Amino acid sequence: MKRIMSIHEAPIILFTLIVFFIFTTLSPNFLQMSNLQTILLQITITGIIAIGMTMVILLGGMDLSVGAVLALVATIVGLLVNAGVNMWLAVLLGIVVGALCGAINGFIITMFNIPDIITTLATMYIFRGIAVFVSGGVWVTNFPKEFEFLGQGKLLGISFPVLVLFVLACGFILILGFTRFGRRIYAIGGNKNAARLSGMAMKRTKFFVYLYSGMLSAVAAAIYASNVGSIQASTAALNISFDVIAAVLIGGASIFGGTGTIVGSMFGILLLGIIQNGVIISQFSPYWVDAITGLLIIVAIIINSLKRWKDSLKLEGKLK
């Protein structure tokens, strides 16, 4: 149960509710159903990527390449549907490309022991460069009408992107909470030395975590391309990796690894979505969004550091 939701998520859930209440009092338009639907739709892309990023951060890593993977896959999917390829086949091929990007990250990190942040920083430039090359440096646009379904359509009366986020989040919540793979992620992130001594498959676990991160970024890319309707490979989702990392940390994940849940990350994404929407609809300066996000990251890291310090004292018997 702790791997689905733990005490660490209580502050983010409470704070999200407080912020939600504040914006409902500041603007009468905030509670309109159309606005609430807009918030949910806006967080789907970052939310899907955050599922993969949560697993990466649980291992004590960081994937800076997710935005570049999104740009590359969105470009490829856009070009394929414009060439007359079936929409679902184009999405499937895009997911394969995303998985390949993730596998490249995982292979370099595990085989050459290069730090995650350096590896993914390098591949971030490589993947985006490939995206620009594939697109020819021009906008990819004028998608077929049916392609709009991925980013704007509804299934059973529910927004399709929101439904995809919900299904993926539930699926990976179960994987993290109830499978051997999920237990290995927490064990490795919590204590790498102990995991190594116990003979745990550390390299294989890390490889697949990055592969899944690439796949999830690819799913988000297809929705992104459909939603925005045009792709500029050099600038598409340029800062999304930092937004996702911020949301995961704010959601209770520890930058040191071993602590965090997908539920917490989803509330982190929701909180940032509410703040971004609420600031605009309440007619405040949008520059406040970045300032508030930065402040929340600092608070989240301080809380995690204090908890680690408290846990270490308990282990030493200095604190009951």
Foldseek 3Di string as FASTA:
>chain_A
DVQLPDPLQVVLVVVLVVLLVVLVVLFVCCPDPVNVLVLLLVLLLLLLLLLLQLLQLQLLAAAPQLQLLLLQLLLQLLVCQVVVHDNVVSLVVSLVSLLVLLLVLLCCCLVVVDGSVVSNVVVNVVSLVVSCVVNVQDKRFDGDPVLLQLQANDDPNHRNSSVVSVVSQVVSSCVLPPHPLNVLSLVNLVPVVVCVVVVHPVSVSSSVSSSSSSSSSSSSSSNVCSNVRMHRSNPGSPPSSVLSVLLQLLLRRASSHNDGYSVSSVSSSSSLSSVQSSCVSSPHDSVVSVVVSVVSNVVSNVVVVVVVVVVVCVVVVNHD
